[in-house]
N, C-alpha and C. Protein backbone atom coordinates (compact mmCIF):
# COMPACT_ATOMS: atom_id res chain seq x y z
N MET A 1 35.52 6.13 -36.28
CA MET A 1 35.32 5.18 -35.20
C MET A 1 35.62 5.83 -33.85
N MET A 2 36.75 6.50 -33.77
CA MET A 2 37.16 7.14 -32.52
C MET A 2 36.18 8.25 -32.15
N LYS A 3 35.67 8.96 -33.15
CA LYS A 3 34.71 10.03 -32.90
C LYS A 3 33.41 9.45 -32.34
N SER A 4 32.97 8.32 -32.86
CA SER A 4 31.74 7.67 -32.38
C SER A 4 31.89 7.22 -30.93
N VAL A 5 33.05 6.69 -30.60
CA VAL A 5 33.31 6.25 -29.23
C VAL A 5 33.31 7.46 -28.29
N ALA A 6 33.91 8.56 -28.72
CA ALA A 6 33.96 9.77 -27.90
C ALA A 6 32.55 10.30 -27.67
N ILE A 7 31.73 10.33 -28.72
CA ILE A 7 30.35 10.81 -28.59
C ILE A 7 29.57 9.90 -27.65
N LEU A 8 29.74 8.61 -27.78
CA LEU A 8 29.07 7.65 -26.90
C LEU A 8 29.49 7.84 -25.45
N LEU A 9 30.78 8.06 -25.22
CA LEU A 9 31.27 8.27 -23.86
C LEU A 9 30.72 9.57 -23.26
N VAL A 10 30.66 10.61 -24.05
CA VAL A 10 30.11 11.88 -23.58
C VAL A 10 28.62 11.70 -23.25
N ALA A 11 27.89 11.02 -24.14
CA ALA A 11 26.46 10.79 -23.90
C ALA A 11 26.25 9.95 -22.64
N LEU A 12 27.06 8.93 -22.46
CA LEU A 12 26.97 8.09 -21.27
C LEU A 12 27.28 8.89 -20.01
N PHE A 13 28.30 9.74 -20.06
CA PHE A 13 28.67 10.58 -18.93
C PHE A 13 27.51 11.52 -18.57
N VAL A 14 26.93 12.17 -19.56
CA VAL A 14 25.81 13.09 -19.32
C VAL A 14 24.64 12.32 -18.71
N PHE A 15 24.33 11.15 -19.25
CA PHE A 15 23.23 10.34 -18.72
C PHE A 15 23.47 9.97 -17.27
N LEU A 16 24.66 9.47 -16.99
CA LEU A 16 24.96 9.02 -15.63
C LEU A 16 25.03 10.16 -14.63
N THR A 17 25.47 11.32 -15.05
CA THR A 17 25.56 12.44 -14.10
C THR A 17 24.21 13.12 -13.89
N THR A 18 23.27 12.96 -14.82
CA THR A 18 21.96 13.57 -14.64
C THR A 18 20.97 12.62 -14.01
N LEU A 19 21.27 11.33 -13.97
CA LEU A 19 20.36 10.35 -13.40
C LEU A 19 19.97 10.67 -11.96
N PRO A 20 20.92 11.01 -11.07
CA PRO A 20 20.51 11.36 -9.72
C PRO A 20 19.59 12.58 -9.67
N ALA A 21 19.70 13.47 -10.63
CA ALA A 21 18.84 14.65 -10.65
C ALA A 21 17.39 14.29 -10.91
N LEU A 22 17.13 13.11 -11.45
CA LEU A 22 15.76 12.67 -11.70
C LEU A 22 15.07 12.22 -10.42
N ALA A 23 15.85 11.90 -9.41
CA ALA A 23 15.28 11.47 -8.13
C ALA A 23 14.68 12.68 -7.42
N LEU A 24 13.59 12.43 -6.72
CA LEU A 24 12.98 13.49 -5.93
C LEU A 24 13.81 13.74 -4.68
N GLU A 25 13.94 14.99 -4.31
CA GLU A 25 14.60 15.30 -3.06
C GLU A 25 13.69 14.79 -1.93
N ASP A 26 14.27 14.09 -0.98
CA ASP A 26 13.48 13.47 0.08
C ASP A 26 13.23 14.47 1.20
N THR A 27 12.31 15.38 0.95
CA THR A 27 11.94 16.39 1.94
C THR A 27 10.54 16.07 2.48
N PRO A 28 10.21 16.59 3.65
CA PRO A 28 8.84 16.39 4.16
C PRO A 28 7.78 16.88 3.16
N ALA A 29 8.04 18.00 2.51
CA ALA A 29 7.07 18.54 1.54
C ALA A 29 6.89 17.59 0.35
N ASN A 30 8.00 17.04 -0.16
CA ASN A 30 7.89 16.11 -1.27
C ASN A 30 7.23 14.80 -0.86
N ARG A 31 7.53 14.35 0.36
CA ARG A 31 6.86 13.15 0.85
C ARG A 31 5.35 13.39 0.95
N ALA A 32 4.98 14.54 1.49
CA ALA A 32 3.55 14.86 1.63
C ALA A 32 2.88 14.93 0.27
N GLN A 33 3.53 15.57 -0.68
CA GLN A 33 2.96 15.69 -2.02
C GLN A 33 2.79 14.31 -2.66
N GLN A 34 3.79 13.46 -2.54
CA GLN A 34 3.71 12.13 -3.14
C GLN A 34 2.71 11.25 -2.39
N ALA A 35 2.59 11.43 -1.09
CA ALA A 35 1.58 10.68 -0.32
C ALA A 35 0.18 11.06 -0.80
N ASP A 36 -0.04 12.33 -1.07
CA ASP A 36 -1.34 12.78 -1.56
C ASP A 36 -1.65 12.18 -2.93
N ILE A 37 -0.64 12.12 -3.78
CA ILE A 37 -0.82 11.51 -5.11
C ILE A 37 -1.15 10.03 -4.95
N TYR A 38 -0.44 9.35 -4.05
CA TYR A 38 -0.71 7.94 -3.78
C TYR A 38 -2.14 7.75 -3.29
N LEU A 39 -2.57 8.61 -2.37
CA LEU A 39 -3.92 8.46 -1.81
C LEU A 39 -5.01 8.74 -2.84
N ARG A 40 -4.70 9.51 -3.86
CA ARG A 40 -5.65 9.68 -4.96
C ARG A 40 -5.69 8.41 -5.82
N ALA A 41 -4.55 7.74 -5.94
CA ALA A 41 -4.50 6.49 -6.72
C ALA A 41 -5.13 5.33 -5.94
N VAL A 42 -4.98 5.35 -4.61
CA VAL A 42 -5.50 4.29 -3.74
C VAL A 42 -6.30 4.94 -2.62
N PRO A 43 -7.52 5.37 -2.91
CA PRO A 43 -8.30 6.06 -1.88
C PRO A 43 -8.66 5.13 -0.72
N PRO A 44 -8.45 5.60 0.52
CA PRO A 44 -8.81 4.78 1.68
C PRO A 44 -10.28 4.36 1.67
N GLN A 45 -11.15 5.21 1.13
CA GLN A 45 -12.58 4.86 1.07
C GLN A 45 -12.77 3.57 0.26
N SER A 46 -12.07 3.48 -0.86
CA SER A 46 -12.19 2.28 -1.70
C SER A 46 -11.64 1.05 -1.01
N MET A 47 -10.50 1.22 -0.36
CA MET A 47 -9.90 0.09 0.36
C MET A 47 -10.84 -0.41 1.45
N MET A 48 -11.38 0.51 2.23
CA MET A 48 -12.24 0.13 3.33
C MET A 48 -13.55 -0.48 2.84
N LYS A 49 -14.08 0.05 1.75
CA LYS A 49 -15.31 -0.51 1.19
C LYS A 49 -15.08 -1.96 0.77
N ASP A 50 -13.96 -2.21 0.12
CA ASP A 50 -13.63 -3.57 -0.31
C ASP A 50 -13.47 -4.50 0.88
N VAL A 51 -12.77 -4.04 1.91
CA VAL A 51 -12.58 -4.86 3.11
C VAL A 51 -13.92 -5.13 3.79
N ALA A 52 -14.75 -4.09 3.90
CA ALA A 52 -16.05 -4.24 4.56
C ALA A 52 -16.93 -5.24 3.81
N ILE A 53 -16.90 -5.19 2.50
CA ILE A 53 -17.70 -6.13 1.70
C ILE A 53 -17.21 -7.56 1.91
N LYS A 54 -15.90 -7.73 1.98
CA LYS A 54 -15.34 -9.07 2.20
C LYS A 54 -15.70 -9.59 3.60
N VAL A 55 -15.65 -8.72 4.60
CA VAL A 55 -16.01 -9.13 5.96
C VAL A 55 -17.50 -9.45 6.01
N ALA A 56 -18.31 -8.60 5.39
CA ALA A 56 -19.76 -8.82 5.39
C ALA A 56 -20.12 -10.15 4.73
N ALA A 57 -19.35 -10.53 3.73
CA ALA A 57 -19.62 -11.79 3.03
C ALA A 57 -19.46 -13.01 3.93
N THR A 58 -18.75 -12.85 5.05
CA THR A 58 -18.57 -13.97 5.98
C THR A 58 -19.71 -14.06 6.98
N MET A 59 -20.63 -13.09 6.94
CA MET A 59 -21.75 -13.05 7.88
C MET A 59 -22.99 -13.67 7.25
N PRO A 60 -23.95 -14.00 8.09
CA PRO A 60 -25.22 -14.46 7.52
C PRO A 60 -25.80 -13.36 6.60
N GLU A 61 -26.40 -13.78 5.51
CA GLU A 61 -26.90 -12.83 4.51
C GLU A 61 -27.85 -11.81 5.11
N SER A 62 -28.63 -12.23 6.09
CA SER A 62 -29.61 -11.32 6.70
C SER A 62 -28.95 -10.17 7.47
N GLN A 63 -27.67 -10.30 7.82
CA GLN A 63 -26.97 -9.27 8.60
C GLN A 63 -26.06 -8.38 7.76
N ARG A 64 -25.80 -8.76 6.52
CA ARG A 64 -24.79 -8.07 5.70
C ARG A 64 -25.12 -6.60 5.46
N ALA A 65 -26.32 -6.31 5.02
CA ALA A 65 -26.67 -4.92 4.70
C ALA A 65 -26.59 -4.03 5.94
N ALA A 66 -27.11 -4.53 7.05
CA ALA A 66 -27.07 -3.74 8.29
C ALA A 66 -25.63 -3.51 8.74
N PHE A 67 -24.81 -4.55 8.65
CA PHE A 67 -23.40 -4.42 9.02
C PHE A 67 -22.72 -3.34 8.18
N LEU A 68 -22.90 -3.40 6.87
CA LEU A 68 -22.27 -2.42 5.98
C LEU A 68 -22.78 -1.01 6.28
N ASP A 69 -24.06 -0.88 6.52
CA ASP A 69 -24.64 0.43 6.81
C ASP A 69 -24.08 1.01 8.10
N ILE A 70 -24.07 0.20 9.16
CA ILE A 70 -23.59 0.68 10.46
C ILE A 70 -22.08 0.95 10.42
N LEU A 71 -21.33 0.07 9.79
CA LEU A 71 -19.88 0.27 9.69
C LEU A 71 -19.57 1.56 8.94
N THR A 72 -20.28 1.80 7.85
CA THR A 72 -20.07 3.02 7.06
C THR A 72 -20.34 4.27 7.90
N LYS A 73 -21.37 4.22 8.72
CA LYS A 73 -21.71 5.36 9.58
C LYS A 73 -20.69 5.54 10.70
N ASN A 74 -20.14 4.46 11.22
CA ASN A 74 -19.25 4.52 12.37
C ASN A 74 -17.79 4.76 12.02
N LEU A 75 -17.39 4.44 10.81
CA LEU A 75 -15.98 4.57 10.43
C LEU A 75 -15.67 6.02 10.09
N ASP A 76 -14.72 6.60 10.79
CA ASP A 76 -14.28 7.97 10.53
C ASP A 76 -13.22 7.92 9.43
N ILE A 77 -13.66 8.03 8.19
CA ILE A 77 -12.76 7.89 7.05
C ILE A 77 -11.74 9.01 7.02
N ASN A 78 -12.09 10.20 7.51
CA ASN A 78 -11.12 11.30 7.56
C ASN A 78 -9.98 10.99 8.53
N ALA A 79 -10.32 10.45 9.67
CA ALA A 79 -9.30 10.07 10.65
C ALA A 79 -8.42 8.95 10.09
N LEU A 80 -9.05 7.97 9.45
CA LEU A 80 -8.30 6.88 8.85
C LEU A 80 -7.38 7.38 7.74
N SER A 81 -7.88 8.27 6.91
CA SER A 81 -7.07 8.84 5.83
C SER A 81 -5.88 9.60 6.39
N ALA A 82 -6.10 10.37 7.44
CA ALA A 82 -5.01 11.12 8.06
C ALA A 82 -3.96 10.18 8.66
N LEU A 83 -4.44 9.10 9.27
CA LEU A 83 -3.53 8.09 9.84
C LEU A 83 -2.68 7.45 8.75
N ILE A 84 -3.32 7.06 7.65
CA ILE A 84 -2.60 6.43 6.54
C ILE A 84 -1.60 7.42 5.95
N ARG A 85 -2.02 8.66 5.73
CA ARG A 85 -1.15 9.68 5.14
C ARG A 85 0.08 9.90 6.02
N ALA A 86 -0.12 10.04 7.32
CA ALA A 86 1.00 10.26 8.24
C ALA A 86 1.96 9.07 8.22
N ALA A 87 1.44 7.86 8.18
CA ALA A 87 2.30 6.67 8.15
C ALA A 87 3.07 6.58 6.84
N LEU A 88 2.43 6.95 5.73
CA LEU A 88 3.12 6.96 4.44
C LEU A 88 4.30 7.93 4.48
N ILE A 89 4.04 9.13 4.97
CA ILE A 89 5.07 10.17 5.02
C ILE A 89 6.21 9.76 5.95
N LYS A 90 5.87 9.12 7.05
CA LYS A 90 6.88 8.71 8.03
C LYS A 90 7.76 7.57 7.51
N ASN A 91 7.16 6.62 6.80
CA ASN A 91 7.87 5.38 6.49
C ASN A 91 8.48 5.27 5.09
N PHE A 92 8.05 6.10 4.16
CA PHE A 92 8.54 5.99 2.80
C PHE A 92 9.22 7.27 2.34
N THR A 93 10.22 7.12 1.48
CA THR A 93 10.86 8.29 0.89
C THR A 93 9.94 8.85 -0.19
N ALA A 94 10.26 10.06 -0.64
CA ALA A 94 9.48 10.68 -1.71
C ALA A 94 9.53 9.82 -2.97
N ASP A 95 10.70 9.29 -3.30
CA ASP A 95 10.82 8.42 -4.49
C ASP A 95 10.01 7.14 -4.34
N GLU A 96 10.02 6.55 -3.15
CA GLU A 96 9.23 5.33 -2.94
C GLU A 96 7.74 5.61 -3.07
N LEU A 97 7.29 6.73 -2.51
CA LEU A 97 5.88 7.10 -2.62
C LEU A 97 5.50 7.36 -4.07
N LYS A 98 6.39 8.00 -4.81
CA LYS A 98 6.13 8.25 -6.23
C LYS A 98 6.00 6.93 -6.97
N ALA A 99 6.91 6.00 -6.68
CA ALA A 99 6.86 4.69 -7.34
C ALA A 99 5.56 3.96 -7.01
N LEU A 100 5.15 4.00 -5.75
CA LEU A 100 3.89 3.36 -5.35
C LEU A 100 2.71 4.01 -6.07
N ALA A 101 2.69 5.34 -6.09
CA ALA A 101 1.59 6.05 -6.76
C ALA A 101 1.58 5.76 -8.25
N ASP A 102 2.77 5.73 -8.85
CA ASP A 102 2.85 5.42 -10.28
C ASP A 102 2.31 4.02 -10.56
N PHE A 103 2.71 3.06 -9.72
CA PHE A 103 2.25 1.69 -9.93
C PHE A 103 0.74 1.57 -9.71
N TYR A 104 0.27 2.00 -8.55
CA TYR A 104 -1.14 1.83 -8.24
C TYR A 104 -2.04 2.74 -9.07
N GLY A 105 -1.47 3.77 -9.67
CA GLY A 105 -2.23 4.62 -10.58
C GLY A 105 -2.29 4.06 -11.99
N SER A 106 -1.45 3.05 -12.27
CA SER A 106 -1.42 2.45 -13.60
C SER A 106 -2.55 1.42 -13.75
N GLN A 107 -2.79 1.02 -14.96
CA GLN A 107 -3.83 0.02 -15.23
C GLN A 107 -3.51 -1.31 -14.53
N VAL A 108 -2.25 -1.71 -14.58
CA VAL A 108 -1.84 -2.96 -13.92
C VAL A 108 -2.00 -2.83 -12.41
N GLY A 109 -1.57 -1.71 -11.85
CA GLY A 109 -1.70 -1.49 -10.41
C GLY A 109 -3.14 -1.47 -9.95
N GLN A 110 -4.01 -0.83 -10.74
CA GLN A 110 -5.43 -0.79 -10.39
C GLN A 110 -6.04 -2.19 -10.46
N SER A 111 -5.61 -2.96 -11.44
CA SER A 111 -6.09 -4.34 -11.54
C SER A 111 -5.64 -5.16 -10.33
N ALA A 112 -4.38 -4.99 -9.95
CA ALA A 112 -3.85 -5.71 -8.79
C ALA A 112 -4.60 -5.29 -7.52
N MET A 113 -4.84 -3.99 -7.39
CA MET A 113 -5.54 -3.49 -6.21
C MET A 113 -6.96 -4.04 -6.14
N ALA A 114 -7.61 -4.17 -7.28
CA ALA A 114 -8.97 -4.70 -7.31
C ALA A 114 -9.02 -6.15 -6.83
N LYS A 115 -7.91 -6.85 -6.94
CA LYS A 115 -7.84 -8.25 -6.52
C LYS A 115 -7.37 -8.41 -5.08
N MET A 116 -6.92 -7.32 -4.48
CA MET A 116 -6.33 -7.40 -3.14
C MET A 116 -7.33 -7.87 -2.10
N GLY A 117 -8.57 -7.45 -2.19
CA GLY A 117 -9.58 -7.88 -1.22
C GLY A 117 -9.79 -9.39 -1.27
N ASN A 118 -9.88 -9.95 -2.46
CA ASN A 118 -10.04 -11.41 -2.59
C ASN A 118 -8.80 -12.13 -2.07
N TYR A 119 -7.64 -11.58 -2.39
CA TYR A 119 -6.38 -12.15 -1.90
C TYR A 119 -6.36 -12.19 -0.37
N MET A 120 -6.70 -11.06 0.25
CA MET A 120 -6.71 -10.99 1.71
C MET A 120 -7.76 -11.92 2.30
N ALA A 121 -8.90 -12.03 1.64
CA ALA A 121 -9.94 -12.94 2.12
C ALA A 121 -9.45 -14.39 2.07
N ASP A 122 -8.65 -14.72 1.06
CA ASP A 122 -8.11 -16.08 0.95
C ASP A 122 -7.03 -16.34 2.00
N VAL A 123 -6.22 -15.35 2.29
CA VAL A 123 -5.07 -15.52 3.18
C VAL A 123 -5.45 -15.39 4.65
N GLN A 124 -6.34 -14.48 4.97
CA GLN A 124 -6.61 -14.14 6.36
C GLN A 124 -7.00 -15.32 7.25
N PRO A 125 -7.93 -16.19 6.85
CA PRO A 125 -8.28 -17.29 7.76
C PRO A 125 -7.09 -18.19 8.10
N GLY A 126 -6.31 -18.55 7.10
CA GLY A 126 -5.14 -19.39 7.35
C GLY A 126 -4.08 -18.67 8.14
N LEU A 127 -3.91 -17.40 7.88
CA LEU A 127 -2.94 -16.59 8.61
C LEU A 127 -3.30 -16.54 10.09
N ILE A 128 -4.56 -16.28 10.37
CA ILE A 128 -5.01 -16.23 11.77
C ILE A 128 -4.81 -17.58 12.45
N THR A 129 -5.15 -18.65 11.75
CA THR A 129 -4.97 -20.00 12.30
C THR A 129 -3.51 -20.27 12.62
N GLU A 130 -2.62 -19.97 11.69
CA GLU A 130 -1.20 -20.24 11.89
C GLU A 130 -0.60 -19.39 13.00
N VAL A 131 -1.00 -18.13 13.08
CA VAL A 131 -0.49 -17.26 14.14
C VAL A 131 -0.99 -17.75 15.50
N ARG A 132 -2.25 -18.16 15.57
CA ARG A 132 -2.78 -18.69 16.84
C ARG A 132 -2.06 -19.97 17.25
N LYS A 133 -1.81 -20.86 16.29
CA LYS A 133 -1.08 -22.09 16.60
C LYS A 133 0.31 -21.76 17.14
N ALA A 134 1.00 -20.85 16.47
CA ALA A 134 2.35 -20.48 16.91
C ALA A 134 2.29 -19.83 18.28
N GLN A 135 1.29 -19.01 18.52
CA GLN A 135 1.14 -18.35 19.82
C GLN A 135 0.88 -19.39 20.91
N ASP A 136 -0.02 -20.34 20.65
CA ASP A 136 -0.31 -21.38 21.63
C ASP A 136 0.92 -22.22 21.95
N LEU A 137 1.65 -22.62 20.92
CA LEU A 137 2.87 -23.41 21.13
C LEU A 137 3.91 -22.60 21.91
N THR A 138 4.02 -21.35 21.57
CA THR A 138 4.99 -20.49 22.27
C THR A 138 4.62 -20.38 23.75
N MET A 139 3.34 -20.19 24.03
CA MET A 139 2.91 -20.07 25.43
C MET A 139 3.17 -21.38 26.17
N GLN A 140 2.91 -22.53 25.53
CA GLN A 140 3.17 -23.83 26.17
C GLN A 140 4.66 -23.99 26.48
N GLN A 141 5.49 -23.61 25.50
CA GLN A 141 6.93 -23.73 25.70
C GLN A 141 7.45 -22.75 26.74
N MET A 142 6.83 -21.59 26.83
CA MET A 142 7.24 -20.62 27.84
C MET A 142 6.92 -21.15 29.24
N LYS A 143 5.74 -21.80 29.38
CA LYS A 143 5.36 -22.34 30.67
C LYS A 143 6.26 -23.51 31.07
N ALA A 144 6.77 -24.24 30.09
CA ALA A 144 7.63 -25.40 30.37
C ALA A 144 9.03 -24.98 30.84
N ARG A 145 9.38 -23.76 30.67
CA ARG A 145 10.72 -23.31 31.09
C ARG A 145 10.83 -23.11 32.56
């Protein structure tokens, strides 16, 4: 019994002391590497295509194809990708980026991402309405002071 407890304690000690070693060192190079992995899991081109399709769906049908064509030609996806990559590296640790890439690279994450455009389409009109109402009320109250 005592031997089993000793073995368990040693195993627990080894596990707990090696756990921090599993974390990625939060260096600029590791952040950049994990950001690149994330961007392969969630390509900006796919995100923008989904958003563009959702926006086009709010337009008259006769304008949708032209809108998508012109937007695709005008959008600098390389500049957008660089912007997203820089913001990821600036705002997230290497471990956080790894976790995001692991999630969005998984089947569940990909399924969730595929639904994000519909989710945003459902939320955006109400969000804009509520923000405008709050802004209008704030401006009225500011003038009353």
